[in-house]
C-alpha cells in the first residue's frame, strides 16, 4: 500500500533529523501498525501499548481539564517514549535514548505527526485502506459526529464514556 511506503520514508527521515532517536512507529489510534522503524522492538506490541496509553492520556487530559490530547512523554531510566497525535486516526510514537535533545524531539515529532496525518488522509482517505469496511469518521451519522472539523491537524478527538447498557441491580437492604 502506498501510504505504508510514504509513512515509512517519513519515519526514516525523522530518524536522520533527530540524533539519538532509536526508533519510530506510526499506528492507528486503535493499535494497528501503519509503518515502523523500530529495531529490537516488536512493533505490534508497541502499537497496542500506545493505543492503551492513548486511552489513559485522553481520560487524564479530560479529568484534569487540560483540553484536547496533543502528546505524551514517558521517561525511563534508559530513555524516552514520546507519542504525538497524527490527525484524528493515527499516532506517532518515538523511542529515544536518554541523552536526546527533548526540545528537538518535540519539534520534529510534532512536525512528523502533522506530515503523517496528511499522508494518511491523502492516501487512505475516508473509508479506504486496510479497514475499508469500517465507517470512516466523516461517514458516521450526523448524531455521532462531534464538531471535530474545526480541530487542527495533529490533534485527536476526546473519547467520551458511554452509559452502561443495563441498569445495575439494587442490593437487598440497601
N, C-alpha and C. Protein backbone atom coordinates (compact mmCIF):
# COMPACT_ATOMS: atom_id res chain seq x y z
N UNK A 1 0.86 -1.18 0.00
CA UNK A 1 0.00 0.00 0.00
C UNK A 1 0.90 1.24 0.00
N UNK A 2 0.58 2.25 -0.75
CA UNK A 2 1.41 3.44 -0.91
C UNK A 2 1.57 4.21 0.38
N UNK A 3 0.55 4.25 1.22
CA UNK A 3 0.64 5.02 2.46
C UNK A 3 1.72 4.43 3.36
N UNK A 4 1.86 3.11 3.41
CA UNK A 4 2.89 2.50 4.24
C UNK A 4 4.28 2.91 3.81
N UNK A 5 4.51 2.93 2.50
CA UNK A 5 5.81 3.32 1.97
C UNK A 5 6.12 4.77 2.28
N UNK A 6 5.16 5.66 2.06
CA UNK A 6 5.36 7.08 2.32
C UNK A 6 5.55 7.37 3.81
N UNK A 7 4.79 6.71 4.66
CA UNK A 7 4.93 6.92 6.10
C UNK A 7 6.28 6.37 6.57
N UNK A 8 6.69 5.22 6.04
CA UNK A 8 7.99 4.65 6.39
C UNK A 8 9.12 5.59 5.98
N UNK A 9 9.01 6.19 4.81
CA UNK A 9 10.01 7.18 4.37
C UNK A 9 10.07 8.34 5.35
N UNK A 10 8.92 8.81 5.81
CA UNK A 10 8.89 9.91 6.78
C UNK A 10 9.54 9.49 8.09
N UNK A 11 9.31 8.28 8.53
CA UNK A 11 9.91 7.79 9.78
C UNK A 11 11.43 7.71 9.65
N UNK A 12 11.91 7.26 8.51
CA UNK A 12 13.36 7.17 8.29
C UNK A 12 14.00 8.55 8.22
N UNK A 13 13.32 9.49 7.57
CA UNK A 13 13.84 10.88 7.54
C UNK A 13 13.88 11.46 8.94
N UNK A 14 12.87 11.15 9.72
CA UNK A 14 12.81 11.63 11.11
C UNK A 14 14.00 11.10 11.90
N UNK A 15 14.35 9.84 11.70
CA UNK A 15 15.48 9.26 12.43
C UNK A 15 16.79 9.92 12.03
N UNK A 16 16.90 10.44 10.81
CA UNK A 16 18.13 11.13 10.42
C UNK A 16 18.16 12.56 10.99
N UNK A 17 16.99 13.14 11.24
CA UNK A 17 16.93 14.52 11.76
C UNK A 17 17.12 14.61 13.27
N UNK A 18 16.88 13.53 13.98
CA UNK A 18 17.00 13.56 15.44
C UNK A 18 18.12 12.61 15.87
N UNK A 19 19.26 13.19 16.29
CA UNK A 19 20.32 12.33 16.82
C UNK A 19 19.81 11.61 18.08
N UNK A 20 20.21 10.37 18.25
CA UNK A 20 19.85 9.54 19.40
C UNK A 20 18.40 9.05 19.38
N UNK A 21 17.74 9.14 18.23
CA UNK A 21 16.42 8.54 18.09
C UNK A 21 16.62 7.07 17.78
N UNK A 22 16.06 6.20 18.61
CA UNK A 22 16.28 4.76 18.48
C UNK A 22 15.24 4.07 17.61
N UNK A 23 14.06 4.68 17.45
CA UNK A 23 13.02 4.05 16.65
C UNK A 23 11.81 4.94 16.51
N UNK A 24 10.99 4.62 15.52
CA UNK A 24 9.77 5.40 15.25
C UNK A 24 8.70 4.44 14.73
N UNK A 25 7.47 4.70 15.16
CA UNK A 25 6.35 3.86 14.77
C UNK A 25 5.14 4.74 14.51
N UNK A 26 4.43 4.48 13.42
CA UNK A 26 3.16 5.14 13.14
C UNK A 26 2.09 4.05 13.19
N UNK A 27 1.00 4.36 13.90
CA UNK A 27 -0.07 3.38 14.07
C UNK A 27 -1.41 4.08 14.07
N UNK A 28 -2.47 3.29 13.96
CA UNK A 28 -3.81 3.85 14.09
C UNK A 28 -4.08 4.03 15.58
N UNK A 29 -5.08 4.83 15.91
CA UNK A 29 -5.39 5.07 17.32
C UNK A 29 -5.92 3.81 18.00
N UNK A 30 -6.35 2.81 17.23
CA UNK A 30 -6.80 1.57 17.84
C UNK A 30 -5.71 0.50 17.87
N UNK A 31 -4.46 0.87 17.59
CA UNK A 31 -3.32 -0.01 17.81
C UNK A 31 -2.86 -0.85 16.65
N UNK A 32 -3.21 -0.52 15.42
CA UNK A 32 -2.74 -1.26 14.26
C UNK A 32 -1.57 -0.52 13.61
N UNK A 33 -0.51 -1.24 13.30
CA UNK A 33 0.71 -0.65 12.76
C UNK A 33 0.47 -0.15 11.33
N UNK A 34 0.84 1.11 11.07
CA UNK A 34 0.85 1.66 9.71
C UNK A 34 2.22 1.45 9.08
N UNK A 35 3.27 1.83 9.82
CA UNK A 35 4.66 1.65 9.38
C UNK A 35 5.54 1.74 10.61
N UNK A 36 6.71 1.11 10.54
CA UNK A 36 7.60 1.16 11.69
C UNK A 36 9.05 1.09 11.28
N UNK A 37 9.89 1.67 12.11
CA UNK A 37 11.33 1.61 12.00
C UNK A 37 11.85 1.50 13.44
N UNK A 38 11.56 0.36 14.06
CA UNK A 38 11.89 0.14 15.47
C UNK A 38 12.70 -1.15 15.63
N UNK A 39 14.02 -1.06 15.46
CA UNK A 39 14.83 -2.27 15.64
C UNK A 39 14.76 -2.76 17.08
N UNK A 40 14.83 -4.06 17.26
CA UNK A 40 14.86 -4.70 18.58
C UNK A 40 13.59 -4.46 19.39
N UNK A 41 12.49 -4.13 18.73
CA UNK A 41 11.21 -3.93 19.41
C UNK A 41 10.12 -4.55 18.55
N UNK A 42 9.15 -5.19 19.20
CA UNK A 42 8.03 -5.78 18.47
C UNK A 42 7.04 -4.66 18.13
N UNK A 43 6.86 -4.31 16.86
CA UNK A 43 6.01 -3.17 16.50
C UNK A 43 4.54 -3.36 16.86
N UNK A 44 4.01 -4.58 16.72
CA UNK A 44 2.59 -4.81 17.04
C UNK A 44 2.32 -4.58 18.52
N UNK A 45 3.22 -5.07 19.36
CA UNK A 45 3.07 -4.87 20.80
C UNK A 45 3.19 -3.41 21.19
N UNK A 46 4.15 -2.70 20.57
CA UNK A 46 4.32 -1.28 20.84
C UNK A 46 3.10 -0.48 20.40
N UNK A 47 2.53 -0.84 19.25
CA UNK A 47 1.32 -0.15 18.76
C UNK A 47 0.15 -0.38 19.71
N UNK A 48 0.00 -1.60 20.19
CA UNK A 48 -1.09 -1.91 21.11
C UNK A 48 -0.92 -1.16 22.44
N UNK A 49 0.30 -1.12 22.95
CA UNK A 49 0.55 -0.38 24.19
C UNK A 49 0.36 1.13 23.99
N UNK A 50 0.71 1.62 22.81
CA UNK A 50 0.49 3.03 22.50
C UNK A 50 -1.00 3.35 22.54
N UNK A 51 -1.82 2.47 21.96
CA UNK A 51 -3.26 2.68 21.97
C UNK A 51 -3.80 2.68 23.40
N UNK A 52 -3.29 1.79 24.24
CA UNK A 52 -3.73 1.75 25.63
C UNK A 52 -3.32 3.02 26.38
N UNK A 53 -2.07 3.46 26.17
CA UNK A 53 -1.61 4.70 26.81
C UNK A 53 -2.39 5.90 26.31
N UNK A 54 -2.76 5.87 25.05
CA UNK A 54 -3.56 6.95 24.46
C UNK A 54 -4.91 7.06 25.15
N UNK A 55 -5.53 5.92 25.42
CA UNK A 55 -6.82 5.93 26.12
C UNK A 55 -6.70 6.56 27.50
N UNK A 56 -5.63 6.23 28.22
CA UNK A 56 -5.40 6.83 29.54
C UNK A 56 -5.11 8.32 29.41
N UNK A 57 -4.32 8.68 28.41
CA UNK A 57 -3.98 10.10 28.21
C UNK A 57 -5.22 10.93 27.89
N UNK A 58 -6.14 10.38 27.08
CA UNK A 58 -7.40 11.07 26.80
C UNK A 58 -8.15 11.36 28.10
N UNK A 59 -8.29 10.33 28.90
CA UNK A 59 -9.05 10.47 30.15
C UNK A 59 -8.35 11.41 31.11
N UNK A 60 -7.03 11.35 31.16
CA UNK A 60 -6.28 12.22 32.06
C UNK A 60 -6.42 13.69 31.67
N UNK A 61 -6.27 14.00 30.38
CA UNK A 61 -6.41 15.39 29.96
C UNK A 61 -7.82 15.89 30.19
N UNK A 62 -8.81 15.01 30.00
CA UNK A 62 -10.20 15.38 30.24
C UNK A 62 -10.46 15.61 31.73
N UNK A 63 -10.01 14.68 32.57
CA UNK A 63 -10.25 14.78 34.02
C UNK A 63 -9.54 15.99 34.62
N UNK A 64 -8.38 16.33 34.09
CA UNK A 64 -7.62 17.47 34.61
C UNK A 64 -8.00 18.77 33.91
N UNK A 65 -8.97 18.72 33.01
CA UNK A 65 -9.43 19.89 32.26
C UNK A 65 -8.27 20.61 31.58
N UNK A 66 -7.45 19.83 30.85
CA UNK A 66 -6.31 20.39 30.13
C UNK A 66 -6.54 20.45 28.63
N UNK A 67 -7.78 20.31 28.20
CA UNK A 67 -8.09 20.42 26.77
C UNK A 67 -7.91 19.10 26.05
N UNK A 68 -7.72 19.19 24.73
CA UNK A 68 -7.58 18.00 23.89
C UNK A 68 -6.18 17.42 23.98
N UNK A 69 -6.08 16.11 23.81
CA UNK A 69 -4.78 15.43 23.81
C UNK A 69 -3.91 15.92 22.67
N UNK A 70 -2.65 16.17 22.95
CA UNK A 70 -1.67 16.56 21.92
C UNK A 70 -0.50 15.60 21.87
N UNK A 71 0.09 15.32 23.07
CA UNK A 71 1.27 14.47 23.10
C UNK A 71 1.46 13.87 24.49
N UNK A 72 2.25 12.83 24.53
CA UNK A 72 2.53 12.11 25.76
C UNK A 72 4.01 11.82 25.80
N UNK A 73 4.67 12.10 26.93
CA UNK A 73 6.10 11.84 27.08
C UNK A 73 6.31 10.99 28.32
N UNK A 74 7.00 9.87 28.14
CA UNK A 74 7.33 8.97 29.24
C UNK A 74 8.84 8.87 29.29
N UNK A 75 9.39 9.01 30.51
CA UNK A 75 10.85 8.92 30.67
C UNK A 75 11.17 7.70 31.51
N UNK A 76 12.02 6.84 30.97
CA UNK A 76 12.51 5.68 31.69
C UNK A 76 13.98 5.87 32.03
N UNK A 77 14.55 4.93 32.72
CA UNK A 77 15.95 5.06 33.11
C UNK A 77 16.91 5.01 31.92
N UNK A 78 16.45 4.48 30.78
CA UNK A 78 17.32 4.40 29.61
C UNK A 78 16.81 5.20 28.42
N UNK A 79 15.84 6.10 28.65
CA UNK A 79 15.39 6.92 27.53
C UNK A 79 13.95 7.34 27.61
N UNK A 80 13.46 7.83 26.46
CA UNK A 80 12.13 8.42 26.37
C UNK A 80 11.25 7.67 25.38
N UNK A 81 9.95 7.71 25.65
CA UNK A 81 8.94 7.29 24.70
C UNK A 81 8.02 8.49 24.52
N UNK A 82 7.94 9.01 23.32
CA UNK A 82 7.11 10.18 23.04
C UNK A 82 6.03 9.79 22.03
N UNK A 83 4.80 10.17 22.33
CA UNK A 83 3.68 9.87 21.45
C UNK A 83 3.00 11.16 21.04
N UNK A 84 2.79 11.33 19.74
CA UNK A 84 2.20 12.54 19.19
C UNK A 84 0.98 12.21 18.36
N UNK A 85 -0.05 13.02 18.46
CA UNK A 85 -1.22 12.87 17.62
C UNK A 85 -0.82 13.10 16.17
N UNK A 86 -1.35 12.28 15.28
CA UNK A 86 -1.09 12.41 13.85
C UNK A 86 -2.43 12.40 13.12
N UNK A 87 -3.21 13.44 13.33
CA UNK A 87 -4.54 13.52 12.77
C UNK A 87 -5.52 12.78 13.66
N UNK A 88 -6.76 12.66 13.21
CA UNK A 88 -7.78 12.03 14.06
C UNK A 88 -7.70 10.51 14.13
N UNK A 89 -6.95 9.86 13.22
CA UNK A 89 -6.96 8.41 13.18
C UNK A 89 -5.60 7.76 13.39
N UNK A 90 -4.54 8.53 13.50
CA UNK A 90 -3.20 7.95 13.60
C UNK A 90 -2.41 8.59 14.74
N UNK A 91 -1.33 7.92 15.09
CA UNK A 91 -0.48 8.37 16.18
C UNK A 91 0.97 8.02 15.83
N UNK A 92 1.89 8.84 16.29
CA UNK A 92 3.32 8.64 16.06
C UNK A 92 3.98 8.40 17.41
N UNK A 93 4.73 7.31 17.53
CA UNK A 93 5.46 7.01 18.76
C UNK A 93 6.94 6.96 18.44
N UNK A 94 7.73 7.69 19.24
CA UNK A 94 9.17 7.76 19.06
C UNK A 94 9.88 7.18 20.28
N UNK A 95 10.94 6.43 20.03
CA UNK A 95 11.79 5.88 21.09
C UNK A 95 13.13 6.57 21.00
N UNK A 96 13.57 7.17 22.11
CA UNK A 96 14.81 7.95 22.08
C UNK A 96 15.71 7.57 23.25
N UNK A 97 17.01 7.71 23.04
CA UNK A 97 17.99 7.46 24.10
C UNK A 97 17.86 8.52 25.19
N UNK A 98 18.46 8.24 26.33
CA UNK A 98 18.34 9.16 27.46
C UNK A 98 19.06 10.49 27.26
N UNK A 99 19.98 10.57 26.32
CA UNK A 99 20.70 11.83 26.09
C UNK A 99 20.17 12.61 24.89
N UNK A 100 18.96 12.31 24.45
CA UNK A 100 18.36 13.01 23.32
C UNK A 100 18.04 14.45 23.72
N UNK A 101 18.06 15.34 22.77
CA UNK A 101 17.62 16.72 22.98
C UNK A 101 16.09 16.69 22.94
N UNK A 102 15.45 16.81 24.10
CA UNK A 102 14.00 16.66 24.20
C UNK A 102 13.27 17.76 23.43
N UNK A 103 13.81 18.96 23.41
CA UNK A 103 13.21 20.04 22.62
C UNK A 103 13.19 19.70 21.14
N UNK A 104 14.28 19.16 20.65
CA UNK A 104 14.36 18.76 19.24
C UNK A 104 13.41 17.59 18.97
N UNK A 105 13.33 16.67 19.93
CA UNK A 105 12.41 15.54 19.80
C UNK A 105 10.98 16.03 19.64
N UNK A 106 10.58 16.99 20.48
CA UNK A 106 9.22 17.54 20.38
C UNK A 106 9.00 18.28 19.06
N UNK A 107 9.94 19.11 18.69
CA UNK A 107 9.81 19.89 17.45
C UNK A 107 9.64 18.97 16.24
N UNK A 108 10.54 18.02 16.09
CA UNK A 108 10.48 17.13 14.93
C UNK A 108 9.32 16.15 15.03
N UNK A 109 9.00 15.70 16.23
CA UNK A 109 7.88 14.77 16.42
C UNK A 109 6.56 15.41 16.04
N UNK A 110 6.36 16.66 16.44
CA UNK A 110 5.12 17.37 16.08
C UNK A 110 5.03 17.58 14.58
N UNK A 111 6.13 17.95 13.96
CA UNK A 111 6.13 18.15 12.50
C UNK A 111 5.84 16.85 11.76
N UNK A 112 6.48 15.78 12.19
CA UNK A 112 6.24 14.49 11.54
C UNK A 112 4.83 13.99 11.79
N UNK A 113 4.29 14.24 12.96
CA UNK A 113 2.90 13.87 13.24
C UNK A 113 1.95 14.54 12.28
N UNK A 114 2.16 15.83 12.03
CA UNK A 114 1.32 16.56 11.08
C UNK A 114 1.52 16.02 9.66
N UNK A 115 2.75 15.69 9.31
CA UNK A 115 3.03 15.16 7.97
C UNK A 115 2.38 13.79 7.77
N UNK A 116 2.46 12.94 8.80
CA UNK A 116 1.84 11.62 8.72
C UNK A 116 0.32 11.75 8.62
N UNK A 117 -0.24 12.72 9.33
CA UNK A 117 -1.69 12.95 9.23
C UNK A 117 -2.07 13.29 7.79
N UNK A 118 -1.28 14.13 7.14
CA UNK A 118 -1.54 14.48 5.74
C UNK A 118 -1.42 13.26 4.83
N UNK A 119 -0.38 12.45 5.05
CA UNK A 119 -0.18 11.27 4.22
C UNK A 119 -1.33 10.28 4.37
N UNK A 120 -1.75 10.04 5.59
CA UNK A 120 -2.84 9.10 5.83
C UNK A 120 -4.12 9.62 5.19
N UNK A 121 -4.40 10.90 5.36
CA UNK A 121 -5.61 11.48 4.79
C UNK A 121 -5.57 11.47 3.27
N UNK A 122 -4.41 11.76 2.68
CA UNK A 122 -4.28 11.81 1.23
C UNK A 122 -4.39 10.43 0.61
N UNK A 123 -3.64 9.46 1.14
CA UNK A 123 -3.59 8.13 0.54
C UNK A 123 -4.78 7.25 0.90
N UNK A 124 -5.18 7.29 2.15
CA UNK A 124 -6.24 6.40 2.59
C UNK A 124 -7.59 7.07 2.45
N UNK A 125 -7.71 8.27 3.02
CA UNK A 125 -8.96 8.99 2.96
C UNK A 125 -10.05 8.27 3.72
N UNK A 126 -11.23 8.83 3.77
CA UNK A 126 -12.32 8.19 4.50
C UNK A 126 -12.75 6.90 3.82
N UNK A 127 -12.84 5.84 4.60
CA UNK A 127 -13.32 4.57 4.09
C UNK A 127 -12.36 3.81 3.22
N UNK A 128 -11.08 4.19 3.19
CA UNK A 128 -10.12 3.48 2.36
C UNK A 128 -9.11 2.74 3.18
N UNK A 129 -8.16 2.12 2.51
CA UNK A 129 -7.06 1.47 3.20
C UNK A 129 -7.39 0.09 3.71
N UNK A 130 -6.63 -0.34 4.68
CA UNK A 130 -6.70 -1.69 5.21
C UNK A 130 -8.06 -2.02 5.81
N UNK A 131 -8.77 -1.02 6.34
CA UNK A 131 -10.05 -1.25 7.00
C UNK A 131 -11.18 -0.53 6.26
N UNK A 132 -11.27 -0.76 4.98
CA UNK A 132 -12.25 -0.07 4.15
C UNK A 132 -13.68 -0.44 4.50
N UNK A 133 -13.87 -1.58 5.16
CA UNK A 133 -15.22 -1.98 5.51
C UNK A 133 -15.76 -1.23 6.72
N UNK A 134 -14.90 -0.53 7.44
CA UNK A 134 -15.35 0.25 8.60
C UNK A 134 -15.82 1.62 8.16
N UNK A 135 -16.70 2.20 8.94
CA UNK A 135 -17.14 3.56 8.65
C UNK A 135 -16.03 4.53 8.99
N UNK A 136 -15.75 5.43 8.10
CA UNK A 136 -14.76 6.48 8.37
C UNK A 136 -15.41 7.54 9.24
N UNK A 137 -14.60 8.30 10.02
CA UNK A 137 -15.19 9.30 10.91
C UNK A 137 -16.12 10.28 10.20
N UNK A 138 -15.81 10.66 8.97
CA UNK A 138 -16.66 11.62 8.27
C UNK A 138 -17.93 10.97 7.73
N UNK A 139 -17.95 9.64 7.65
CA UNK A 139 -19.11 8.95 7.11
C UNK A 139 -20.10 8.51 8.19
N UNK A 140 -19.81 8.83 9.44
CA UNK A 140 -20.72 8.46 10.52
C UNK A 140 -22.00 9.27 10.45
N UNK A 141 -23.09 8.75 10.99
CA UNK A 141 -24.32 9.53 11.02
C UNK A 141 -24.13 10.84 11.77
N UNK A 142 -24.92 11.83 11.43
CA UNK A 142 -24.75 13.17 11.99
C UNK A 142 -24.84 13.20 13.50
N UNK A 143 -25.67 12.36 14.11
CA UNK A 143 -25.79 12.39 15.57
C UNK A 143 -24.51 11.92 16.27
N UNK A 144 -23.69 11.10 15.57
CA UNK A 144 -22.48 10.58 16.19
C UNK A 144 -21.27 11.48 15.96
N UNK A 145 -21.39 12.45 15.07
CA UNK A 145 -20.26 13.32 14.79
C UNK A 145 -20.18 14.43 15.81
N UNK A 146 -18.97 14.77 16.16
CA UNK A 146 -18.72 15.92 17.02
C UNK A 146 -18.40 17.11 16.12
N UNK A 147 -18.10 18.21 16.72
CA UNK A 147 -17.69 19.38 15.95
C UNK A 147 -16.18 19.35 15.78
N UNK A 148 -15.66 18.19 15.32
CA UNK A 148 -14.22 18.00 15.18
C UNK A 148 -13.66 18.63 13.91
N UNK A 149 -14.50 19.14 13.03
CA UNK A 149 -13.98 19.69 11.79
C UNK A 149 -13.13 20.93 12.03
N UNK A 150 -13.32 21.60 13.16
CA UNK A 150 -12.52 22.78 13.48
C UNK A 150 -11.23 22.41 14.20
N UNK A 151 -11.03 21.13 14.52
CA UNK A 151 -9.85 20.69 15.25
C UNK A 151 -8.64 20.76 14.34
N UNK A 152 -7.53 21.36 14.80
CA UNK A 152 -6.34 21.47 13.96
C UNK A 152 -5.72 20.11 13.65
N UNK A 153 -4.99 20.04 12.54
CA UNK A 153 -4.28 18.83 12.16
C UNK A 153 -3.30 18.49 13.27
N UNK A 154 -3.17 17.23 13.57
CA UNK A 154 -2.23 16.80 14.59
C UNK A 154 -2.88 16.63 15.95
N UNK A 155 -4.20 16.75 16.04
CA UNK A 155 -4.89 16.52 17.31
C UNK A 155 -5.86 15.37 17.15
N UNK A 156 -6.14 14.71 18.24
CA UNK A 156 -7.05 13.58 18.24
C UNK A 156 -8.33 13.97 18.97
N UNK A 157 -9.44 13.34 18.62
CA UNK A 157 -10.68 13.64 19.33
C UNK A 157 -10.64 13.07 20.74
N UNK A 158 -11.41 13.66 21.63
CA UNK A 158 -11.50 13.17 23.00
C UNK A 158 -12.61 12.14 23.07
N UNK A 159 -12.32 11.01 23.65
CA UNK A 159 -13.32 9.96 23.78
C UNK A 159 -14.19 10.27 24.98
N UNK A 160 -15.49 10.04 24.84
CA UNK A 160 -16.41 10.23 25.96
C UNK A 160 -16.97 8.89 26.37
N UNK A 161 -16.99 8.61 27.68
CA UNK A 161 -17.50 7.32 28.11
C UNK A 161 -18.99 7.19 27.81
N UNK A 162 -19.44 5.97 27.55
CA UNK A 162 -20.84 5.72 27.27
C UNK A 162 -21.52 5.19 28.52
N UNK A 163 -22.82 5.40 28.61
CA UNK A 163 -23.60 4.87 29.72
C UNK A 163 -23.71 3.35 29.56
N UNK A 164 -23.75 2.62 30.67
CA UNK A 164 -23.88 1.16 30.55
C UNK A 164 -25.20 0.79 29.89
N UNK A 165 -25.22 -0.34 29.22
CA UNK A 165 -26.41 -0.80 28.50
C UNK A 165 -27.46 -1.35 29.46
N UNK A 166 -27.09 -1.67 30.68
CA UNK A 166 -28.04 -2.21 31.64
C UNK A 166 -27.96 -1.39 32.92
N UNK A 167 -29.01 -1.48 33.71
CA UNK A 167 -29.04 -0.80 34.99
C UNK A 167 -28.59 -1.78 36.06
N UNK A 168 -27.69 -1.39 36.95
CA UNK A 168 -27.26 -2.29 38.00
C UNK A 168 -28.43 -2.64 38.93
N UNK A 169 -28.45 -3.88 39.40
CA UNK A 169 -29.49 -4.28 40.32
C UNK A 169 -29.27 -3.67 41.70
N UNK A 170 -30.35 -3.33 42.35
CA UNK A 170 -30.22 -2.78 43.70
C UNK A 170 -29.97 -3.95 44.65
N UNK A 171 -29.14 -3.71 45.63
CA UNK A 171 -28.81 -4.73 46.62
C UNK A 171 -29.93 -4.81 47.66
N UNK A 172 -30.28 -6.00 48.11
CA UNK A 172 -31.30 -6.12 49.15
C UNK A 172 -30.83 -5.45 50.44
N UNK A 173 -31.72 -4.69 51.04
CA UNK A 173 -31.40 -4.00 52.29
C UNK A 173 -30.62 -2.73 52.08
N UNK A 174 -30.53 -2.25 50.83
CA UNK A 174 -29.70 -1.08 50.58
C UNK A 174 -30.31 -0.03 49.81
